[in-house]
Amino acid sequence: MKITHLGPGVIDLYKTWNEKNREIKQEQGKPEQDRAEISPGAREMLAYRAMLKEMPGIRQDKVEEIKARINNGTYTISEEKIAEGMIREGAAGTVLGQKG
């Protein structure tokens, strides 16, 4: 089949249709960026985790100092410091989800 006469309206219509399709394809080709939101509670937990990572596991210098004081008989126990440590560790256990 041979088409000999295409009026200006048909060619304009084709060009318009082709441009719209190109725009649609360009819009569809743009991927949306992924997004993540962190809740305030999770942010707080991350802050506590960061603090825990900064804390040393075992402070060997303190262990040696206390051993020497025990052997010399100069080591005294402070009930207040023990209670403060227990409270502090209990709070840390609550943050980490451990039951104490």
PDB file of N, CA and C in Angstrom:
ATOM      1  N   MET A   1       0.850  -1.167   0.000  1.00  0.00           N
ATOM      2  CA  MET A   1       0.000   0.000   0.000  1.00  0.00           C
ATOM      3  C   MET A   1       0.898   1.232   0.000  1.00  0.00           C
ATOM      4  N   LYS A   2       0.599   2.126  -0.848  1.00  0.00           N
ATOM      5  CA  LYS A   2       1.404   3.322  -0.991  1.00  0.00           C
ATOM      6  C   LYS A   2       0.571   4.525  -0.576  1.00  0.00           C
ATOM      7  N   ILE A   3       1.151   5.296   0.336  1.00  0.00           N
ATOM      8  CA  ILE A   3       0.463   6.503   0.786  1.00  0.00           C
ATOM      9  C   ILE A   3       1.154   7.666   0.106  1.00  0.00           C
ATOM     10  N   THR A   4       0.417   8.384  -0.663  1.00  0.00           N
ATOM     11  CA  THR A   4       1.028   9.457  -1.429  1.00  0.00           C
ATOM     12  C   THR A   4       0.753  10.823  -0.840  1.00  0.00           C
ATOM     13  N   HIS A   5      -0.311  10.948  -0.142  1.00  0.00           N
ATOM     14  CA  HIS A   5      -0.636  12.281   0.355  1.00  0.00           C
ATOM     15  C   HIS A   5      -0.853  12.244   1.863  1.00  0.00           C
ATOM     16  N   LEU A   6       0.090  12.826   2.572  1.00  0.00           N
ATOM     17  CA  LEU A   6      -0.085  13.005   4.015  1.00  0.00           C
ATOM     18  C   LEU A   6      -0.209  14.507   4.235  1.00  0.00           C
ATOM     19  N   GLY A   7      -1.281  14.892   4.766  1.00  0.00           N
ATOM     20  CA  GLY A   7      -1.488  16.314   5.010  1.00  0.00           C
ATOM     21  C   GLY A   7      -0.604  16.800   6.148  1.00  0.00           C
ATOM     22  N   PRO A   8      -0.432  18.096   6.281  1.00  0.00           N
ATOM     23  CA  PRO A   8       0.409  18.649   7.353  1.00  0.00           C
ATOM     24  C   PRO A   8      -0.107  18.284   8.735  1.00  0.00           C
ATOM     25  N   GLY A   9      -1.368  18.049   8.863  1.00  0.00           N
ATOM     26  CA  GLY A   9      -1.928  17.695  10.166  1.00  0.00           C
ATOM     27  C   GLY A   9      -1.450  16.345  10.645  1.00  0.00           C
ATOM     28  N   VAL A  10      -1.303  15.385   9.742  1.00  0.00           N
ATOM     29  CA  VAL A  10      -0.866  14.039  10.115  1.00  0.00           C
ATOM     30  C   VAL A  10       0.586  14.063  10.573  1.00  0.00           C
ATOM     31  N   ILE A  11       1.437  14.771   9.866  1.00  0.00           N
ATOM     32  CA  ILE A  11       2.854  14.845  10.236  1.00  0.00           C
ATOM     33  C   ILE A  11       3.014  15.572  11.567  1.00  0.00           C
ATOM     34  N   ASP A  12       2.288  16.659  11.771  1.00  0.00           N
ATOM     35  CA  ASP A  12       2.341  17.378  13.046  1.00  0.00           C
ATOM     36  C   ASP A  12       1.857  16.499  14.189  1.00  0.00           C
ATOM     37  N   LEU A  13       0.809  15.746  13.922  1.00  0.00           N
ATOM     38  CA  LEU A  13       0.274  14.836  14.933  1.00  0.00           C
ATOM     39  C   LEU A  13       1.315  13.784  15.305  1.00  0.00           C
ATOM     40  N   TYR A  14       1.996  13.236  14.311  1.00  0.00           N
ATOM     41  CA  TYR A  14       3.039  12.242  14.559  1.00  0.00           C
ATOM     42  C   TYR A  14       4.177  12.834  15.388  1.00  0.00           C
ATOM     43  N   LYS A  15       4.626  14.040  15.023  1.00  0.00           N
ATOM     44  CA  LYS A  15       5.716  14.699  15.756  1.00  0.00           C
ATOM     45  C   LYS A  15       5.319  14.954  17.211  1.00  0.00           C
ATOM     46  N   THR A  16       4.107  15.437  17.425  1.00  0.00           N
ATOM     47  CA  THR A  16       3.616  15.702  18.777  1.00  0.00           C
ATOM     48  C   THR A  16       3.553  14.406  19.582  1.00  0.00           C
ATOM     49  N   TRP A  17       3.020  13.352  18.967  1.00  0.00           N
ATOM     50  CA  TRP A  17       2.909  12.056  19.635  1.00  0.00           C
ATOM     51  C   TRP A  17       4.292  11.527  19.990  1.00  0.00           C
ATOM     52  N   ASN A  18       5.252  11.657  19.067  1.00  0.00           N
ATOM     53  CA  ASN A  18       6.609  11.178  19.273  1.00  0.00           C
ATOM     54  C   ASN A  18       7.294  11.954  20.411  1.00  0.00           C
ATOM     55  N   GLU A  19       7.118  13.250  20.481  1.00  0.00           N
ATOM     56  CA  GLU A  19       7.706  14.065  21.540  1.00  0.00           C
ATOM     57  C   GLU A  19       7.124  13.706  22.903  1.00  0.00           C
ATOM     58  N   LYS A  20       5.809  13.500  22.960  1.00  0.00           N
ATOM     59  CA  LYS A  20       5.181  13.123  24.231  1.00  0.00           C
ATOM     60  C   LYS A  20       5.690  11.771  24.702  1.00  0.00           C
ATOM     61  N   ASN A  21       5.826  10.824  23.785  1.00  0.00           N
ATOM     62  CA  ASN A  21       6.350   9.506  24.159  1.00  0.00           C
ATOM     63  C   ASN A  21       7.778   9.607  24.679  1.00  0.00           C
ATOM     64  N   ARG A  22       8.578  10.451  24.044  1.00  0.00           N
ATOM     65  CA  ARG A  22       9.962  10.637  24.483  1.00  0.00           C
ATOM     66  C   ARG A  22       9.998  11.220  25.901  1.00  0.00           C
ATOM     67  N   GLU A  23       9.138  12.194  26.186  1.00  0.00           N
ATOM     68  CA  GLU A  23       9.076  12.791  27.524  1.00  0.00           C
ATOM     69  C   GLU A  23       8.643  11.765  28.561  1.00  0.00           C
ATOM     70  N   ILE A  24       7.660  10.965  28.217  1.00  0.00           N
ATOM     71  CA  ILE A  24       7.184   9.939  29.152  1.00  0.00           C
ATOM     72  C   ILE A  24       8.288   8.941  29.446  1.00  0.00           C
ATOM     73  N   LYS A  25       9.004   8.506  28.417  1.00  0.00           N
ATOM     74  CA  LYS A  25      10.088   7.549  28.629  1.00  0.00           C
ATOM     75  C   LYS A  25      11.192   8.146  29.496  1.00  0.00           C
ATOM     76  N   GLN A  26      11.488   9.434  29.294  1.00  0.00           N
ATOM     77  CA  GLN A  26      12.515  10.074  30.107  1.00  0.00           C
ATOM     78  C   GLN A  26      12.080  10.159  31.564  1.00  0.00           C
ATOM     79  N   GLU A  27      10.812  10.476  31.802  1.00  0.00           N
ATOM     80  CA  GLU A  27      10.300  10.560  33.171  1.00  0.00           C
ATOM     81  C   GLU A  27      10.313   9.190  33.830  1.00  0.00           C
ATOM     82  N   GLN A  28       9.947   8.158  33.088  1.00  0.00           N
ATOM     83  CA  GLN A  28       9.918   6.816  33.649  1.00  0.00           C
ATOM     84  C   GLN A  28      11.318   6.276  33.875  1.00  0.00           C
ATOM     85  N   GLY A  29      12.273   6.745  33.116  1.00  0.00           N
ATOM     86  CA  GLY A  29      13.644   6.269  33.244  1.00  0.00           C
ATOM     87  C   GLY A  29      14.367   6.808  34.456  1.00  0.00           C
ATOM     88  N   LYS A  30      13.843   7.842  35.081  1.00  0.00           N
ATOM     89  CA  LYS A  30      14.485   8.427  36.248  1.00  0.00           C
ATOM     90  C   LYS A  30      14.071   7.642  37.492  1.00  0.00           C
ATOM     91  N   PRO A  31      15.014   6.904  38.079  1.00  0.00           N
ATOM     92  CA  PRO A  31      14.648   6.156  39.288  1.00  0.00           C
ATOM     93  C   PRO A  31      14.503   7.101  40.484  1.00  0.00           C
ATOM     94  N   GLU A  32      13.584   6.787  41.343  1.00  0.00           N
ATOM     95  CA  GLU A  32      13.427   7.563  42.571  1.00  0.00           C
ATOM     96  C   GLU A  32      14.531   7.167  43.539  1.00  0.00           C
ATOM     97  N   GLN A  33      14.978   8.111  44.311  1.00  0.00           N
ATOM     98  CA  GLN A  33      16.027   7.823  45.273  1.00  0.00           C
ATOM     99  C   GLN A  33      15.429   7.127  46.490  1.00  0.00           C
ATOM    100  N   ASP A  34      16.167   6.157  47.009  1.00  0.00           N
ATOM    101  CA  ASP A  34      15.744   5.476  48.225  1.00  0.00           C
ATOM    102  C   ASP A  34      15.938   6.404  49.406  1.00  0.00           C
ATOM    103  N   ARG A  35      15.075   6.245  50.393  1.00  0.00           N
ATOM    104  CA  ARG A  35      15.146   7.075  51.588  1.00  0.00           C
ATOM    105  C   ARG A  35      14.889   6.221  52.807  1.00  0.00           C
ATOM    106  N   ALA A  36      15.583   6.522  53.849  1.00  0.00           N
ATOM    107  CA  ALA A  36      15.356   5.832  55.116  1.00  0.00           C
ATOM    108  C   ALA A  36      15.255   6.879  56.212  1.00  0.00           C
ATOM    109  N   GLU A  37      14.320   6.678  57.109  1.00  0.00           N
ATOM    110  CA  GLU A  37      14.166   7.583  58.243  1.00  0.00           C
ATOM    111  C   GLU A  37      14.416   6.791  59.518  1.00  0.00           C
ATOM    112  N   ILE A  38      15.177   7.397  60.413  1.00  0.00           N
ATOM    113  CA  ILE A  38      15.504   6.751  61.676  1.00  0.00           C
ATOM    114  C   ILE A  38      14.698   7.426  62.775  1.00  0.00           C
ATOM    115  N   SER A  39      14.000   6.607  63.551  1.00  0.00           N
ATOM    116  CA  SER A  39      13.156   7.139  64.620  1.00  0.00           C
ATOM    117  C   SER A  39      14.023   7.730  65.730  1.00  0.00           C
ATOM    118  N   PRO A  40      13.449   8.621  66.542  1.00  0.00           N
ATOM    119  CA  PRO A  40      14.215   9.191  67.668  1.00  0.00           C
ATOM    120  C   PRO A  40      14.742   8.123  68.623  1.00  0.00           C
ATOM    121  N   GLY A  41      13.957   7.092  68.871  1.00  0.00           N
ATOM    122  CA  GLY A  41      14.415   6.014  69.753  1.00  0.00           C
ATOM    123  C   GLY A  41      15.615   5.279  69.182  1.00  0.00           C
ATOM    124  N   ALA A  42      15.585   5.052  67.876  1.00  0.00           N
ATOM    125  CA  ALA A  42      16.719   4.382  67.225  1.00  0.00           C
ATOM    126  C   ALA A  42      17.954   5.276  67.242  1.00  0.00           C
ATOM    127  N   ARG A  43      17.750   6.575  67.076  1.00  0.00           N
ATOM    128  CA  ARG A  43      18.887   7.505  67.146  1.00  0.00           C
ATOM    129  C   ARG A  43      19.523   7.469  68.534  1.00  0.00           C
ATOM    130  N   GLU A  44      18.684   7.419  69.548  1.00  0.00           N
ATOM    131  CA  GLU A  44      19.197   7.362  70.915  1.00  0.00           C
ATOM    132  C   GLU A  44      19.986   6.074  71.126  1.00  0.00           C
ATOM    133  N   MET A  45      19.450   4.969  70.617  1.00  0.00           N
ATOM    134  CA  MET A  45      20.143   3.696  70.760  1.00  0.00           C
ATOM    135  C   MET A  45      21.493   3.723  70.027  1.00  0.00           C
ATOM    136  N   LEU A  46      21.536   4.333  68.856  1.00  0.00           N
ATOM    137  CA  LEU A  46      22.793   4.446  68.120  1.00  0.00           C
ATOM    138  C   LEU A  46      23.807   5.286  68.897  1.00  0.00           C
ATOM    139  N   ALA A  47      23.326   6.327  69.563  1.00  0.00           N
ATOM    140  CA  ALA A  47      24.227   7.162  70.363  1.00  0.00           C
ATOM    141  C   ALA A  47      24.811   6.354  71.526  1.00  0.00           C
ATOM    142  N   TYR A  48      23.978   5.544  72.186  1.00  0.00           N
ATOM    143  CA  TYR A  48      24.467   4.710  73.281  1.00  0.00           C
ATOM    144  C   TYR A  48      25.454   3.668  72.769  1.00  0.00           C
ATOM    145  N   ARG A  49      25.173   3.101  71.605  1.00  0.00           N
ATOM    146  CA  ARG A  49      26.097   2.122  71.033  1.00  0.00           C
ATOM    147  C   ARG A  49      27.453   2.758  70.759  1.00  0.00           C
ATOM    148  N   ALA A  50      27.435   3.974  70.232  1.00  0.00           N
ATOM    149  CA  ALA A  50      28.695   4.673  69.952  1.00  0.00           C
ATOM    150  C   ALA A  50      29.476   4.905  71.246  1.00  0.00           C
ATOM    151  N   MET A  51      28.762   5.278  72.318  1.00  0.00           N
ATOM    152  CA  MET A  51      29.437   5.489  73.599  1.00  0.00           C
ATOM    153  C   MET A  51      30.029   4.183  74.113  1.00  0.00           C
ATOM    154  N   LEU A  52      29.292   3.083  73.956  1.00  0.00           N
ATOM    155  CA  LEU A  52      29.793   1.791  74.418  1.00  0.00           C
ATOM    156  C   LEU A  52      31.027   1.353  73.643  1.00  0.00           C
ATOM    157  N   LYS A  53      31.049   1.643  72.339  1.00  0.00           N
ATOM    158  CA  LYS A  53      32.216   1.271  71.540  1.00  0.00           C
ATOM    159  C   LYS A  53      33.456   2.036  71.969  1.00  0.00           C
ATOM    160  N   GLU A  54      33.276   3.250  72.461  1.00  0.00           N
ATOM    161  CA  GLU A  54      34.408   4.055  72.902  1.00  0.00           C
ATOM    162  C   GLU A  54      34.966   3.589  74.237  1.00  0.00           C
ATOM    163  N   MET A  55      34.149   2.877  75.013  1.00  0.00           N
ATOM    164  CA  MET A  55      34.595   2.407  76.323  1.00  0.00           C
ATOM    165  C   MET A  55      35.541   1.218  76.149  1.00  0.00           C
ATOM    166  N   PRO A  56      36.620   1.218  76.892  1.00  0.00           N
ATOM    167  CA  PRO A  56      37.539   0.073  76.798  1.00  0.00           C
ATOM    168  C   PRO A  56      36.925  -1.150  77.465  1.00  0.00           C
ATOM    169  N   GLY A  57      37.268  -2.326  76.971  1.00  0.00           N
ATOM    170  CA  GLY A  57      36.758  -3.563  77.549  1.00  0.00           C
ATOM    171  C   GLY A  57      37.307  -3.782  78.951  1.00  0.00           C
ATOM    172  N   ILE A  58      38.612  -3.929  79.038  1.00  0.00           N
ATOM    173  CA  ILE A  58      39.283  -4.109  80.334  1.00  0.00           C
ATOM    174  C   ILE A  58      40.409  -3.093  80.411  1.00  0.00           C
ATOM    175  N   ARG A  59      40.385  -2.327  81.467  1.00  0.00           N
ATOM    176  CA  ARG A  59      41.452  -1.333  81.670  1.00  0.00           C
ATOM    177  C   ARG A  59      42.545  -1.985  82.506  1.00  0.00           C
ATOM    178  N   GLN A  60      43.493  -2.565  81.823  1.00  0.00           N
ATOM    179  CA  GLN A  60      44.536  -3.348  82.482  1.00  0.00           C
ATOM    180  C   GLN A  60      45.318  -2.530  83.504  1.00  0.00           C
ATOM    181  N   ASP A  61      45.522  -1.251  83.242  1.00  0.00           N
ATOM    182  CA  ASP A  61      46.254  -0.416  84.197  1.00  0.00           C
ATOM    183  C   ASP A  61      45.503  -0.314  85.524  1.00  0.00           C
ATOM    184  N   LYS A  62      44.166  -0.201  85.444  1.00  0.00           N
ATOM    185  CA  LYS A  62      43.357  -0.140  86.675  1.00  0.00           C
ATOM    186  C   LYS A  62      43.409  -1.468  87.424  1.00  0.00           C
ATOM    187  N   VAL A  63      43.357  -2.574  86.670  1.00  0.00           N
ATOM    188  CA  VAL A  63      43.400  -3.904  87.296  1.00  0.00           C
ATOM    189  C   VAL A  63      44.709  -4.064  88.070  1.00  0.00           C
ATOM    190  N   GLU A  64      45.808  -3.694  87.447  1.00  0.00           N
ATOM    191  CA  GLU A  64      47.112  -3.829  88.109  1.00  0.00           C
ATOM    192  C   GLU A  64      47.203  -2.925  89.340  1.00  0.00           C
ATOM    193  N   GLU A  65      46.666  -1.710  89.229  1.00  0.00           N
ATOM    194  CA  GLU A  65      46.690  -0.790  90.369  1.00  0.00           C
ATOM    195  C   GLU A  65      45.908  -1.356  91.543  1.00  0.00           C
ATOM    196  N   ILE A  66      44.719  -1.893  91.282  1.00  0.00           N
ATOM    197  CA  ILE A  66      43.886  -2.441  92.362  1.00  0.00           C
ATOM    198  C   ILE A  66      44.540  -3.681  92.966  1.00  0.00           C
ATOM    199  N   LYS A  67      45.121  -4.532  92.111  1.00  0.00           N
ATOM    200  CA  LYS A  67      45.823  -5.715  92.636  1.00  0.00           C
ATOM    201  C   LYS A  67      46.943  -5.297  93.592  1.00  0.00           C
ATOM    202  N   ALA A  68      47.697  -4.303  93.197  1.00  0.00           N
ATOM    203  CA  ALA A  68      48.806  -3.840  94.045  1.00  0.00           C
ATOM    204  C   ALA A  68      48.283  -3.281  95.361  1.00  0.00           C
ATOM    205  N   ARG A  69      47.187  -2.515  95.318  1.00  0.00           N
ATOM    206  CA  ARG A  69      46.622  -1.942  96.540  1.00  0.00           C
ATOM    207  C   ARG A  69      46.065  -3.029  97.454  1.00  0.00           C
ATOM    208  N   ILE A  70      45.467  -4.069  96.857  1.00  0.00           N
ATOM    209  CA  ILE A  70      44.962  -5.183  97.679  1.00  0.00           C
ATOM    210  C   ILE A  70      46.129  -5.882  98.363  1.00  0.00           C
ATOM    211  N   ASN A  71      47.186  -6.152  97.597  1.00  0.00           N
ATOM    212  CA  ASN A  71      48.365  -6.835  98.171  1.00  0.00           C
ATOM    213  C   ASN A  71      49.044  -6.000  99.244  1.00  0.00           C
ATOM    214  N   ASN A  72      49.010  -4.664  99.100  1.00  0.00           N
ATOM    215  CA  ASN A  72      49.621  -3.778 100.109  1.00  0.00           C
ATOM    216  C   ASN A  72      48.710  -3.546 101.296  1.00  0.00           C
ATOM    217  N   GLY A  73      47.427  -3.898 101.160  1.00  0.00           N
ATOM    218  CA  GLY A  73      46.484  -3.659 102.247  1.00  0.00           C
ATOM    219  C   GLY A  73      45.963  -2.229 102.264  1.00  0.00           C
ATOM    220  N   THR A  74      46.135  -1.496 101.198  1.00  0.00           N
ATOM    221  CA  THR A  74      45.681  -0.099 101.151  1.00  0.00           C
ATOM    222  C   THR A  74      44.396   0.079 100.351  1.00  0.00           C
ATOM    223  N   TYR A  75      43.837  -1.010  99.891  1.00  0.00           N
ATOM    224  CA  TYR A  75      42.622  -0.904  99.077  1.00  0.00           C
ATOM    225  C   TYR A  75      41.410  -0.788  99.990  1.00  0.00           C
ATOM    226  N   THR A  76      40.622   0.273  99.806  1.00  0.00           N
ATOM    227  CA  THR A  76      39.394   0.448 100.586  1.00  0.00           C
ATOM    228  C   THR A  76      38.198   0.406  99.635  1.00  0.00           C
ATOM    229  N   ILE A  77      37.145  -0.136 100.114  1.00  0.00           N
ATOM    230  CA  ILE A  77      35.936  -0.267  99.305  1.00  0.00           C
ATOM    231  C   ILE A  77      35.003   0.898  99.600  1.00  0.00           C
ATOM    232  N   SER A  78      34.518   1.531  98.539  1.00  0.00           N
ATOM    233  CA  SER A  78      33.566   2.620  98.685  1.00  0.00           C
ATOM    234  C   SER A  78      32.180   2.105  98.293  1.00  0.00           C
ATOM    235  N   GLU A  79      31.311   2.012  99.287  1.00  0.00           N
ATOM    236  CA  GLU A  79      29.955   1.528  99.015  1.00  0.00           C
ATOM    237  C   GLU A  79      29.225   2.426  98.026  1.00  0.00           C
ATOM    238  N   GLU A  80      29.474   3.723  98.108  1.00  0.00           N
ATOM    239  CA  GLU A  80      28.821   4.675  97.199  1.00  0.00           C
ATOM    240  C   GLU A  80      29.240   4.425  95.755  1.00  0.00           C
ATOM    241  N   LYS A  81      30.534   4.203  95.520  1.00  0.00           N
ATOM    242  CA  LYS A  81      31.004   3.959  94.158  1.00  0.00           C
ATOM    243  C   LYS A  81      30.447   2.650  93.615  1.00  0.00           C
ATOM    244  N   ILE A  82      30.351   1.641  94.487  1.00  0.00           N
ATOM    245  CA  ILE A  82      29.787   0.364  94.054  1.00  0.00           C
ATOM    246  C   ILE A  82      28.324   0.544  93.662  1.00  0.00           C
ATOM    247  N   ALA A  83      27.573   1.262  94.469  1.00  0.00           N
ATOM    248  CA  ALA A  83      26.156   1.504  94.169  1.00  0.00           C
ATOM    249  C   ALA A  83      25.996   2.310  92.872  1.00  0.00           C
ATOM    250  N   GLU A  84      26.823   3.341  92.701  1.00  0.00           N
ATOM    251  CA  GLU A  84      26.760   4.146  91.472  1.00  0.00           C
ATOM    252  C   GLU A  84      27.057   3.281  90.244  1.00  0.00           C
ATOM    253  N   GLY A  85      28.051   2.417  90.357  1.00  0.00           N
ATOM    254  CA  GLY A  85      28.403   1.526  89.247  1.00  0.00           C
ATOM    255  C   GLY A  85      27.289   0.555  88.923  1.00  0.00           C
ATOM    256  N   MET A  86      26.648   0.027  89.968  1.00  0.00           N
ATOM    257  CA  MET A  86      25.535  -0.913  89.750  1.00  0.00           C
ATOM    258  C   MET A  86      24.376  -0.211  89.053  1.00  0.00           C
ATOM    259  N   ILE A  87      24.088   0.998  89.472  1.00  0.00           N
ATOM    260  CA  ILE A  87      22.997   1.763  88.850  1.00  0.00           C
ATOM    261  C   ILE A  87      23.349   2.078  87.402  1.00  0.00           C
ATOM    262  N   ARG A  88      24.584   2.504  87.174  1.00  0.00           N
ATOM    263  CA  ARG A  88      25.032   2.853  85.822  1.00  0.00           C
ATOM    264  C   ARG A  88      24.972   1.619  84.911  1.00  0.00           C
ATOM    265  N   GLU A  89      25.441   0.485  85.386  1.00  0.00           N
ATOM    266  CA  GLU A  89      25.417  -0.740  84.590  1.00  0.00           C
ATOM    267  C   GLU A  89      23.987  -1.229  84.368  1.00  0.00           C
ATOM    268  N   GLY A  90      23.139  -1.036  85.364  1.00  0.00           N
ATOM    269  CA  GLY A  90      21.733  -1.412  85.203  1.00  0.00           C
ATOM    270  C   GLY A  90      21.063  -0.579  84.132  1.00  0.00           C
ATOM    271  N   ALA A  91      21.380   0.710  84.088  1.00  0.00           N
ATOM    272  CA  ALA A  91      20.819   1.591  83.061  1.00  0.00           C
ATOM    273  C   ALA A  91      21.340   1.190  81.691  1.00  0.00           C
ATOM    274  N   ALA A  92      22.617   0.850  81.605  1.00  0.00           N
ATOM    275  CA  ALA A  92      23.182   0.438  80.318  1.00  0.00           C
ATOM    276  C   ALA A  92      22.541  -0.863  79.862  1.00  0.00           C
ATOM    277  N   GLY A  93      22.275  -1.784  80.785  1.00  0.00           N
ATOM    278  CA  GLY A  93      21.621  -3.046  80.431  1.00  0.00           C
ATOM    279  C   GLY A  93      20.219  -2.828  79.925  1.00  0.00           C
ATOM    280  N   THR A  94      19.500  -1.856  80.499  1.00  0.00           N
ATOM    281  CA  THR A  94      18.148  -1.540  80.044  1.00  0.00           C
ATOM    282  C   THR A  94      18.179  -1.002  78.628  1.00  0.00           C
ATOM    283  N   VAL A  95      19.143  -0.137  78.326  1.00  0.00           N
ATOM    284  CA  VAL A  95      19.269   0.437  76.981  1.00  0.00           C
ATOM    285  C   VAL A  95      19.576  -0.655  75.976  1.00  0.00           C
ATOM    286  N   LEU A  96      20.408  -1.605  76.349  1.00  0.00           N
ATOM    287  CA  LEU A  96      20.792  -2.675  75.423  1.00  0.00           C
ATOM    288  C   LEU A  96      19.761  -3.786  75.349  1.00  0.00           C
ATOM    289  N   GLY A  97      18.699  -3.684  76.105  1.00  0.00           N
ATOM    290  CA  GLY A  97      17.639  -4.695  76.059  1.00  0.00           C
ATOM    291  C   GLY A  97      17.927  -5.903  76.922  1.00  0.00           C
ATOM    292  N   GLN A  98      18.893  -5.803  77.836  1.00  0.00           N
ATOM    293  CA  GLN A  98      19.218  -6.911  78.725  1.00  0.00           C
ATOM    294  C   GLN A  98      18.414  -6.764  79.997  1.00  0.00           C
ATOM    295  N   LYS A  99      17.989  -7.890  80.504  1.00  0.00           N
ATOM    296  CA  LYS A  99      17.267  -7.867  81.774  1.00  0.00           C
ATOM    297  C   LYS A  99      18.272  -8.127  82.891  1.00  0.00           C
ATOM    298  N   GLY A 100      18.181  -7.334  83.953  1.00  0.00           N
ATOM    299  CA  GLY A 100      19.169  -7.467  85.002  1.00  0.00           C
ATOM    300  C   GLY A 100      18.674  -7.944  86.270  1.00  0.00           C
TER     301      GLY A 100
END
